[in-house]
């Protein structure tokens, strides 16, 4: 069972990866939200980020938590709630 310290490090890592994706893909993210295809538009970046995350945390932690997915929502999606999209309706 992963320790609390290991979990905290995994959360920080997931959030750092999501922050990098957000920083370097602002236009793609805006377009993806507006057109309701965010995960298609960012497929390559998200898969690369997920693989990086997976390579740096234990297999058990990767399989039993959703830290990376939560970071995507918290860092990439939620702060852009102001962008007009049918997703928010």
PDB file of N, CA and C in Angstrom:
ATOM      1  N   UNK A   1       0.839  -1.174   0.000  1.00  0.00           N
ATOM      2  CA  UNK A   1       0.000   0.000   0.000  1.00  0.00           C
ATOM      3  C   UNK A   1       0.893   1.250   0.000  1.00  0.00           C
ATOM      4  N   UNK A   2       0.647   2.181  -0.923  1.00  0.00           N
ATOM      5  CA  UNK A   2       1.480   3.391  -0.999  1.00  0.00           C
ATOM      6  C   UNK A   2       1.347   4.252   0.261  1.00  0.00           C
ATOM      7  N   UNK A   3       2.442   4.841   0.653  1.00  0.00           N
ATOM      8  CA  UNK A   3       2.437   5.721   1.823  1.00  0.00           C
ATOM      9  C   UNK A   3       1.788   7.060   1.477  1.00  0.00           C
ATOM     10  N   UNK A   4       1.446   7.802   2.490  1.00  0.00           N
ATOM     11  CA  UNK A   4       0.866   9.135   2.279  1.00  0.00           C
ATOM     12  C   UNK A   4       1.862  10.060   1.580  1.00  0.00           C
ATOM     13  N   UNK A   5       3.139   9.906   1.896  1.00  0.00           N
ATOM     14  CA  UNK A   5       4.174  10.709   1.239  1.00  0.00           C
ATOM     15  C   UNK A   5       4.256  10.367  -0.250  1.00  0.00           C
ATOM     16  N   UNK A   6       4.178   9.079  -0.553  1.00  0.00           N
ATOM     17  CA  UNK A   6       4.213   8.637  -1.950  1.00  0.00           C
ATOM     18  C   UNK A   6       2.989   9.174  -2.711  1.00  0.00           C
ATOM     19  N   UNK A   7       1.838   9.159  -2.064  1.00  0.00           N
ATOM     20  CA  UNK A   7       0.623   9.697  -2.685  1.00  0.00           C
ATOM     21  C   UNK A   7       0.755  11.199  -2.931  1.00  0.00           C
ATOM     22  N   UNK A   8       1.288  11.918  -1.951  1.00  0.00           N
ATOM     23  CA  UNK A   8       1.456  13.364  -2.085  1.00  0.00           C
ATOM     24  C   UNK A   8       2.417  13.695  -3.237  1.00  0.00           C
ATOM     25  N   UNK A   9       3.487  12.927  -3.357  1.00  0.00           N
ATOM     26  CA  UNK A   9       4.431  13.142  -4.459  1.00  0.00           C
ATOM     27  C   UNK A   9       3.761  12.865  -5.805  1.00  0.00           C
ATOM     28  N   UNK A  10       2.949  11.823  -5.863  1.00  0.00           N
ATOM     29  CA  UNK A  10       2.246  11.483  -7.109  1.00  0.00           C
ATOM     30  C   UNK A  10       1.267  12.586  -7.495  1.00  0.00           C
ATOM     31  N   UNK A  11       0.583  13.150  -6.522  1.00  0.00           N
ATOM     32  CA  UNK A  11      -0.349  14.255  -6.791  1.00  0.00           C
ATOM     33  C   UNK A  11       0.412  15.456  -7.330  1.00  0.00           C
ATOM     34  N   UNK A  12       1.535  15.788  -6.703  1.00  0.00           N
ATOM     35  CA  UNK A  12       2.344  16.921  -7.177  1.00  0.00           C
ATOM     36  C   UNK A  12       2.849  16.683  -8.590  1.00  0.00           C
ATOM     37  N   UNK A  13       3.289  15.472  -8.865  1.00  0.00           N
ATOM     38  CA  UNK A  13       3.771  15.127 -10.199  1.00  0.00           C
ATOM     39  C   UNK A  13       2.640  15.259 -11.225  1.00  0.00           C
ATOM     40  N   UNK A  14       1.487  14.714 -10.923  1.00  0.00           N
ATOM     41  CA  UNK A  14       0.347  14.790 -11.840  1.00  0.00           C
ATOM     42  C   UNK A  14      -0.021  16.240 -12.122  1.00  0.00           C
ATOM     43  N   UNK A  15      -0.034  17.064 -11.098  1.00  0.00           N
ATOM     44  CA  UNK A  15      -0.386  18.477 -11.263  1.00  0.00           C
ATOM     45  C   UNK A  15       0.686  19.226 -12.061  1.00  0.00           C
ATOM     46  N   UNK A  16       1.953  18.875 -11.868  1.00  0.00           N
ATOM     47  CA  UNK A  16       3.028  19.519 -12.638  1.00  0.00           C
ATOM     48  C   UNK A  16       2.920  19.159 -14.114  1.00  0.00           C
ATOM     49  N   UNK A  17       2.628  17.907 -14.398  1.00  0.00           N
ATOM     50  CA  UNK A  17       2.477  17.475 -15.791  1.00  0.00           C
ATOM     51  C   UNK A  17       1.280  18.179 -16.420  1.00  0.00           C
ATOM     52  N   UNK A  18       0.169  18.224 -15.699  1.00  0.00           N
ATOM     53  CA  UNK A  18      -1.029  18.903 -16.212  1.00  0.00           C
ATOM     54  C   UNK A  18      -0.752  20.389 -16.426  1.00  0.00           C
ATOM     55  N   UNK A  19       0.010  20.997 -15.538  1.00  0.00           N
ATOM     56  CA  UNK A  19       0.358  22.411 -15.694  1.00  0.00           C
ATOM     57  C   UNK A  19       1.174  22.649 -16.955  1.00  0.00           C
ATOM     58  N   UNK A  20       2.109  21.764 -17.232  1.00  0.00           N
ATOM     59  CA  UNK A  20       2.908  21.880 -18.454  1.00  0.00           C
ATOM     60  C   UNK A  20       2.029  21.745 -19.692  1.00  0.00           C
ATOM     61  N   UNK A  21       1.131  20.778 -19.671  1.00  0.00           N
ATOM     62  CA  UNK A  21       0.210  20.607 -20.804  1.00  0.00           C
ATOM     63  C   UNK A  21      -0.607  21.877 -20.990  1.00  0.00           C
ATOM     64  N   UNK A  22      -1.096  22.432 -19.906  1.00  0.00           N
ATOM     65  CA  UNK A  22      -1.896  23.648 -19.954  1.00  0.00           C
ATOM     66  C   UNK A  22      -1.098  24.827 -20.495  1.00  0.00           C
ATOM     67  N   UNK A  23       0.100  24.984 -19.997  1.00  0.00           N
ATOM     68  CA  UNK A  23       0.946  26.114 -20.377  1.00  0.00           C
ATOM     69  C   UNK A  23       1.285  26.103 -21.867  1.00  0.00           C
ATOM     70  N   UNK A  24       1.604  24.942 -22.404  1.00  0.00           N
ATOM     71  CA  UNK A  24       2.086  24.863 -23.779  1.00  0.00           C
ATOM     72  C   UNK A  24       0.994  24.602 -24.821  1.00  0.00           C
ATOM     73  N   UNK A  25      -0.257  24.500 -24.383  1.00  0.00           N
ATOM     74  CA  UNK A  25      -1.332  24.162 -25.315  1.00  0.00           C
ATOM     75  C   UNK A  25      -2.574  25.022 -25.114  1.00  0.00           C
ATOM     76  N   UNK A  26      -2.399  26.258 -24.728  1.00  0.00           N
ATOM     77  CA  UNK A  26      -3.528  27.133 -24.407  1.00  0.00           C
ATOM     78  C   UNK A  26      -4.537  27.222 -25.555  1.00  0.00           C
ATOM     79  N   UNK A  27      -4.064  27.444 -26.766  1.00  0.00           N
ATOM     80  CA  UNK A  27      -4.983  27.606 -27.902  1.00  0.00           C
ATOM     81  C   UNK A  27      -5.730  26.310 -28.203  1.00  0.00           C
ATOM     82  N   UNK A  28      -5.037  25.188 -28.158  1.00  0.00           N
ATOM     83  CA  UNK A  28      -5.692  23.901 -28.386  1.00  0.00           C
ATOM     84  C   UNK A  28      -6.767  23.640 -27.328  1.00  0.00           C
ATOM     85  N   UNK A  29      -6.470  23.996 -26.099  1.00  0.00           N
ATOM     86  CA  UNK A  29      -7.417  23.785 -25.007  1.00  0.00           C
ATOM     87  C   UNK A  29      -8.655  24.648 -25.214  1.00  0.00           C
ATOM     88  N   UNK A  30      -8.459  25.916 -25.528  1.00  0.00           N
ATOM     89  CA  UNK A  30      -9.592  26.807 -25.774  1.00  0.00           C
ATOM     90  C   UNK A  30     -10.453  26.266 -26.900  1.00  0.00           C
ATOM     91  N   UNK A  31      -9.817  25.900 -27.987  1.00  0.00           N
ATOM     92  CA  UNK A  31     -10.540  25.369 -29.137  1.00  0.00           C
ATOM     93  C   UNK A  31     -11.270  24.071 -28.780  1.00  0.00           C
ATOM     94  N   UNK A  32     -10.607  23.204 -28.059  1.00  0.00           N
ATOM     95  CA  UNK A  32     -11.214  21.934 -27.668  1.00  0.00           C
ATOM     96  C   UNK A  32     -12.422  22.104 -26.785  1.00  0.00           C
ATOM     97  N   UNK A  33     -12.381  23.081 -25.885  1.00  0.00           N
ATOM     98  CA  UNK A  33     -13.539  23.349 -25.023  1.00  0.00           C
ATOM     99  C   UNK A  33     -14.665  23.950 -25.852  1.00  0.00           C
ATOM    100  N   UNK A  34     -14.346  24.919 -26.672  1.00  0.00           N
ATOM    101  CA  UNK A  34     -15.374  25.554 -27.503  1.00  0.00           C
ATOM    102  C   UNK A  34     -16.068  24.550 -28.422  1.00  0.00           C
ATOM    103  N   UNK A  35     -15.307  23.616 -28.966  1.00  0.00           N
ATOM    104  CA  UNK A  35     -15.852  22.676 -29.941  1.00  0.00           C
ATOM    105  C   UNK A  35     -16.234  21.322 -29.322  1.00  0.00           C
ATOM    106  N   UNK A  36     -16.135  21.223 -28.002  1.00  0.00           N
ATOM    107  CA  UNK A  36     -16.492  20.010 -27.270  1.00  0.00           C
ATOM    108  C   UNK A  36     -15.727  18.780 -27.763  1.00  0.00           C
ATOM    109  N   UNK A  37     -14.444  18.955 -28.014  1.00  0.00           N
ATOM    110  CA  UNK A  37     -13.597  17.821 -28.393  1.00  0.00           C
ATOM    111  C   UNK A  37     -12.221  17.929 -27.731  1.00  0.00           C
ATOM    112  N   UNK A  38     -12.207  18.445 -26.529  1.00  0.00           N
ATOM    113  CA  UNK A  38     -10.964  18.708 -25.810  1.00  0.00           C
ATOM    114  C   UNK A  38     -10.060  17.477 -25.739  1.00  0.00           C
ATOM    115  N   UNK A  39     -10.628  16.343 -25.395  1.00  0.00           N
ATOM    116  CA  UNK A  39      -9.794  15.163 -25.194  1.00  0.00           C
ATOM    117  C   UNK A  39      -9.311  14.585 -26.518  1.00  0.00           C
ATOM    118  N   UNK A  40     -10.020  14.849 -27.583  1.00  0.00           N
ATOM    119  CA  UNK A  40      -9.534  14.454 -28.908  1.00  0.00           C
ATOM    120  C   UNK A  40      -8.387  15.367 -29.335  1.00  0.00           C
ATOM    121  N   UNK A  41      -8.564  16.666 -29.135  1.00  0.00           N
ATOM    122  CA  UNK A  41      -7.560  17.657 -29.526  1.00  0.00           C
ATOM    123  C   UNK A  41      -6.253  17.455 -28.748  1.00  0.00           C
ATOM    124  N   UNK A  42      -6.376  17.093 -27.485  1.00  0.00           N
ATOM    125  CA  UNK A  42      -5.189  16.932 -26.629  1.00  0.00           C
ATOM    126  C   UNK A  42      -4.754  15.476 -26.476  1.00  0.00           C
ATOM    127  N   UNK A  43      -5.260  14.597 -27.295  1.00  0.00           N
ATOM    128  CA  UNK A  43      -4.994  13.171 -27.128  1.00  0.00           C
ATOM    129  C   UNK A  43      -3.497  12.862 -27.017  1.00  0.00           C
ATOM    130  N   UNK A  44      -2.723  13.395 -27.932  1.00  0.00           N
ATOM    131  CA  UNK A  44      -1.283  13.112 -27.938  1.00  0.00           C
ATOM    132  C   UNK A  44      -0.602  13.638 -26.669  1.00  0.00           C
ATOM    133  N   UNK A  45      -0.904  14.870 -26.303  1.00  0.00           N
ATOM    134  CA  UNK A  45      -0.287  15.480 -25.126  1.00  0.00           C
ATOM    135  C   UNK A  45      -0.701  14.760 -23.843  1.00  0.00           C
ATOM    136  N   UNK A  46      -1.976  14.399 -23.748  1.00  0.00           N
ATOM    137  CA  UNK A  46      -2.458  13.702 -22.555  1.00  0.00           C
ATOM    138  C   UNK A  46      -1.849  12.307 -22.451  1.00  0.00           C
ATOM    139  N   UNK A  47      -1.725  11.623 -23.564  1.00  0.00           N
ATOM    140  CA  UNK A  47      -1.141  10.289 -23.542  1.00  0.00           C
ATOM    141  C   UNK A  47       0.339  10.360 -23.154  1.00  0.00           C
ATOM    142  N   UNK A  48       1.044  11.340 -23.694  1.00  0.00           N
ATOM    143  CA  UNK A  48       2.452  11.525 -23.328  1.00  0.00           C
ATOM    144  C   UNK A  48       2.578  11.843 -21.841  1.00  0.00           C
ATOM    145  N   UNK A  49       1.725  12.722 -21.354  1.00  0.00           N
ATOM    146  CA  UNK A  49       1.746  13.068 -19.933  1.00  0.00           C
ATOM    147  C   UNK A  49       1.395  11.885 -19.051  1.00  0.00           C
ATOM    148  N   UNK A  50       0.409  11.108 -19.463  1.00  0.00           N
ATOM    149  CA  UNK A  50       0.004   9.932 -18.699  1.00  0.00           C
ATOM    150  C   UNK A  50       1.144   8.912 -18.634  1.00  0.00           C
ATOM    151  N   UNK A  51       1.834   8.724 -19.742  1.00  0.00           N
ATOM    152  CA  UNK A  51       2.955   7.778 -19.758  1.00  0.00           C
ATOM    153  C   UNK A  51       4.105   8.265 -18.871  1.00  0.00           C
ATOM    154  N   UNK A  52       4.380   9.559 -18.893  1.00  0.00           N
ATOM    155  CA  UNK A  52       5.403  10.109 -18.004  1.00  0.00           C
ATOM    156  C   UNK A  52       5.017   9.878 -16.553  1.00  0.00           C
ATOM    157  N   UNK A  53       3.761  10.191 -16.223  1.00  0.00           N
ATOM    158  CA  UNK A  53       3.266   9.974 -14.864  1.00  0.00           C
ATOM    159  C   UNK A  53       3.411   8.503 -14.477  1.00  0.00           C
ATOM    160  N   UNK A  54       2.964   7.622 -15.346  1.00  0.00           N
ATOM    161  CA  UNK A  54       3.008   6.184 -15.064  1.00  0.00           C
ATOM    162  C   UNK A  54       4.439   5.698 -14.840  1.00  0.00           C
ATOM    163  N   UNK A  55       5.379   6.260 -15.580  1.00  0.00           N
ATOM    164  CA  UNK A  55       6.772   5.823 -15.461  1.00  0.00           C
ATOM    165  C   UNK A  55       7.419   6.279 -14.157  1.00  0.00           C
ATOM    166  N   UNK A  56       6.797   7.243 -13.483  1.00  0.00           N
ATOM    167  CA  UNK A  56       7.434   7.818 -12.296  1.00  0.00           C
ATOM    168  C   UNK A  56       6.729   7.487 -10.986  1.00  0.00           C
ATOM    169  N   UNK A  57       5.619   6.742 -11.059  1.00  0.00           N
ATOM    170  CA  UNK A  57       4.936   6.314  -9.833  1.00  0.00           C
ATOM    171  C   UNK A  57       4.883   4.788  -9.819  1.00  0.00           C
ATOM    172  N   UNK A  58       4.615   4.227  -8.660  1.00  0.00           N
ATOM    173  CA  UNK A  58       4.532   2.763  -8.562  1.00  0.00           C
ATOM    174  C   UNK A  58       3.322   2.260  -9.349  1.00  0.00           C
ATOM    175  N   UNK A  59       3.422   1.034  -9.797  1.00  0.00           N
ATOM    176  CA  UNK A  59       2.318   0.421 -10.551  1.00  0.00           C
ATOM    177  C   UNK A  59       1.043   0.385  -9.711  1.00  0.00           C
ATOM    178  N   UNK A  60       1.179   0.065  -8.437  1.00  0.00           N
ATOM    179  CA  UNK A  60       0.008   0.015  -7.554  1.00  0.00           C
ATOM    180  C   UNK A  60      -0.652   1.389  -7.450  1.00  0.00           C
ATOM    181  N   UNK A  61       0.143   2.396  -7.271  1.00  0.00           N
ATOM    182  CA  UNK A  61      -0.400   3.753  -7.164  1.00  0.00           C
ATOM    183  C   UNK A  61      -1.089   4.152  -8.463  1.00  0.00           C
ATOM    184  N   UNK A  62      -0.497   3.808  -9.577  1.00  0.00           N
ATOM    185  CA  UNK A  62      -1.087   4.135 -10.868  1.00  0.00           C
ATOM    186  C   UNK A  62      -2.433   3.433 -11.048  1.00  0.00           C
ATOM    187  N   UNK A  63      -2.496   2.170 -10.688  1.00  0.00           N
ATOM    188  CA  UNK A  63      -3.718   1.384 -10.878  1.00  0.00           C
ATOM    189  C   UNK A  63      -4.832   1.741  -9.903  1.00  0.00           C
ATOM    190  N   UNK A  64      -4.495   2.219  -8.721  1.00  0.00           N
ATOM    191  CA  UNK A  64      -5.512   2.385  -7.674  1.00  0.00           C
ATOM    192  C   UNK A  64      -5.927   3.827  -7.412  1.00  0.00           C
ATOM    193  N   UNK A  65      -5.374   4.761  -8.143  1.00  0.00           N
ATOM    194  CA  UNK A  65      -5.742   6.166  -7.938  1.00  0.00           C
ATOM    195  C   UNK A  65      -6.086   6.820  -9.273  1.00  0.00           C
ATOM    196  N   UNK A  66      -6.685   7.973  -9.202  1.00  0.00           N
ATOM    197  CA  UNK A  66      -6.985   8.739 -10.414  1.00  0.00           C
ATOM    198  C   UNK A  66      -6.353  10.123 -10.333  1.00  0.00           C
ATOM    199  N   UNK A  67      -5.184  10.207  -9.740  1.00  0.00           N
ATOM    200  CA  UNK A  67      -4.530  11.497  -9.531  1.00  0.00           C
ATOM    201  C   UNK A  67      -4.264  12.235 -10.841  1.00  0.00           C
ATOM    202  N   UNK A  68      -3.859  11.520 -11.866  1.00  0.00           N
ATOM    203  CA  UNK A  68      -3.564  12.192 -13.134  1.00  0.00           C
ATOM    204  C   UNK A  68      -4.842  12.762 -13.740  1.00  0.00           C
ATOM    205  N   UNK A  69      -5.902  11.976 -13.763  1.00  0.00           N
ATOM    206  CA  UNK A  69      -7.166  12.447 -14.331  1.00  0.00           C
ATOM    207  C   UNK A  69      -7.727  13.636 -13.544  1.00  0.00           C
ATOM    208  N   UNK A  70      -7.620  13.585 -12.228  1.00  0.00           N
ATOM    209  CA  UNK A  70      -8.077  14.702 -11.399  1.00  0.00           C
ATOM    210  C   UNK A  70      -7.277  15.963 -11.693  1.00  0.00           C
ATOM    211  N   UNK A  71      -5.990  15.807 -11.904  1.00  0.00           N
ATOM    212  CA  UNK A  71      -5.145  16.960 -12.217  1.00  0.00           C
ATOM    213  C   UNK A  71      -5.552  17.581 -13.544  1.00  0.00           C
ATOM    214  N   UNK A  72      -5.906  16.758 -14.515  1.00  0.00           N
ATOM    215  CA  UNK A  72      -6.352  17.276 -15.811  1.00  0.00           C
ATOM    216  C   UNK A  72      -7.586  18.146 -15.620  1.00  0.00           C
ATOM    217  N   UNK A  73      -8.532  17.653 -14.849  1.00  0.00           N
ATOM    218  CA  UNK A  73      -9.753  18.430 -14.595  1.00  0.00           C
ATOM    219  C   UNK A  73      -9.435  19.691 -13.801  1.00  0.00           C
ATOM    220  N   UNK A  74      -8.677  19.561 -12.726  1.00  0.00           N
ATOM    221  CA  UNK A  74      -8.380  20.701 -11.846  1.00  0.00           C
ATOM    222  C   UNK A  74      -7.524  21.771 -12.509  1.00  0.00           C
ATOM    223  N   UNK A  75      -6.556  21.377 -13.321  1.00  0.00           N
ATOM    224  CA  UNK A  75      -5.581  22.313 -13.881  1.00  0.00           C
ATOM    225  C   UNK A  75      -5.965  22.781 -15.284  1.00  0.00           C
ATOM    226  N   UNK A  76      -6.531  21.902 -16.087  1.00  0.00           N
ATOM    227  CA  UNK A  76      -6.802  22.247 -17.490  1.00  0.00           C
ATOM    228  C   UNK A  76      -8.258  22.646 -17.720  1.00  0.00           C
ATOM    229  N   UNK A  77      -9.190  21.899 -17.204  1.00  0.00           N
ATOM    230  CA  UNK A  77     -10.598  22.122 -17.537  1.00  0.00           C
ATOM    231  C   UNK A  77     -11.261  23.162 -16.642  1.00  0.00           C
ATOM    232  N   UNK A  78     -11.264  22.943 -15.353  1.00  0.00           N
ATOM    233  CA  UNK A  78     -12.016  23.803 -14.423  1.00  0.00           C
ATOM    234  C   UNK A  78     -11.667  25.288 -14.539  1.00  0.00           C
ATOM    235  N   UNK A  79     -10.403  25.674 -14.647  1.00  0.00           N
ATOM    236  CA  UNK A  79     -10.093  27.105 -14.725  1.00  0.00           C
ATOM    237  C   UNK A  79     -10.608  27.776 -15.996  1.00  0.00           C
ATOM    238  N   UNK A  80     -11.047  26.982 -16.940  1.00  0.00           N
ATOM    239  CA  UNK A  80     -11.515  27.555 -18.208  1.00  0.00           C
ATOM    240  C   UNK A  80     -13.032  27.498 -18.329  1.00  0.00           C
ATOM    241  N   UNK A  81     -13.705  27.487 -17.214  1.00  0.00           N
ATOM    242  CA  UNK A  81     -15.162  27.468 -17.203  1.00  0.00           C
ATOM    243  C   UNK A  81     -15.781  28.699 -17.837  1.00  0.00           C
ATOM    244  N   UNK A  82     -15.008  29.740 -18.018  1.00  0.00           N
ATOM    245  CA  UNK A  82     -15.508  30.977 -18.628  1.00  0.00           C
ATOM    246  C   UNK A  82     -15.580  30.877 -20.159  1.00  0.00           C
ATOM    247  N   UNK A  83     -14.944  29.884 -20.741  1.00  0.00           N
ATOM    248  CA  UNK A  83     -14.956  29.741 -22.203  1.00  0.00           C
ATOM    249  C   UNK A  83     -16.327  29.211 -22.621  1.00  0.00           C
ATOM    250  N   UNK A  84     -16.950  29.899 -23.569  1.00  0.00           N
ATOM    251  CA  UNK A  84     -18.287  29.499 -24.021  1.00  0.00           C
ATOM    252  C   UNK A  84     -18.222  28.125 -24.677  1.00  0.00           C
ATOM    253  N   UNK A  85     -19.097  27.249 -24.195  1.00  0.00           N
ATOM    254  CA  UNK A  85     -19.142  25.879 -24.715  1.00  0.00           C
ATOM    255  C   UNK A  85     -20.459  25.245 -24.355  1.00  0.00           C
ATOM    256  N   UNK A  86     -20.958  24.395 -25.225  1.00  0.00           N
ATOM    257  CA  UNK A  86     -22.170  23.665 -24.891  1.00  0.00           C
ATOM    258  C   UNK A  86     -21.926  22.646 -23.790  1.00  0.00           C
ATOM    259  N   UNK A  87     -20.676  22.368 -23.498  1.00  0.00           N
ATOM    260  CA  UNK A  87     -20.334  21.436 -22.424  1.00  0.00           C
ATOM    261  C   UNK A  87     -20.865  21.941 -21.085  1.00  0.00           C
ATOM    262  N   UNK A  88     -20.828  23.226 -20.856  1.00  0.00           N
ATOM    263  CA  UNK A  88     -21.201  23.800 -19.570  1.00  0.00           C
ATOM    264  C   UNK A  88     -22.716  23.929 -19.400  1.00  0.00           C
ATOM    265  N   UNK A  89     -23.461  23.755 -20.455  1.00  0.00           N
ATOM    266  CA  UNK A  89     -24.919  23.944 -20.371  1.00  0.00           C
ATOM    267  C   UNK A  89     -25.614  22.831 -19.657  1.00  0.00           C
TER     268      UNK A  89
END
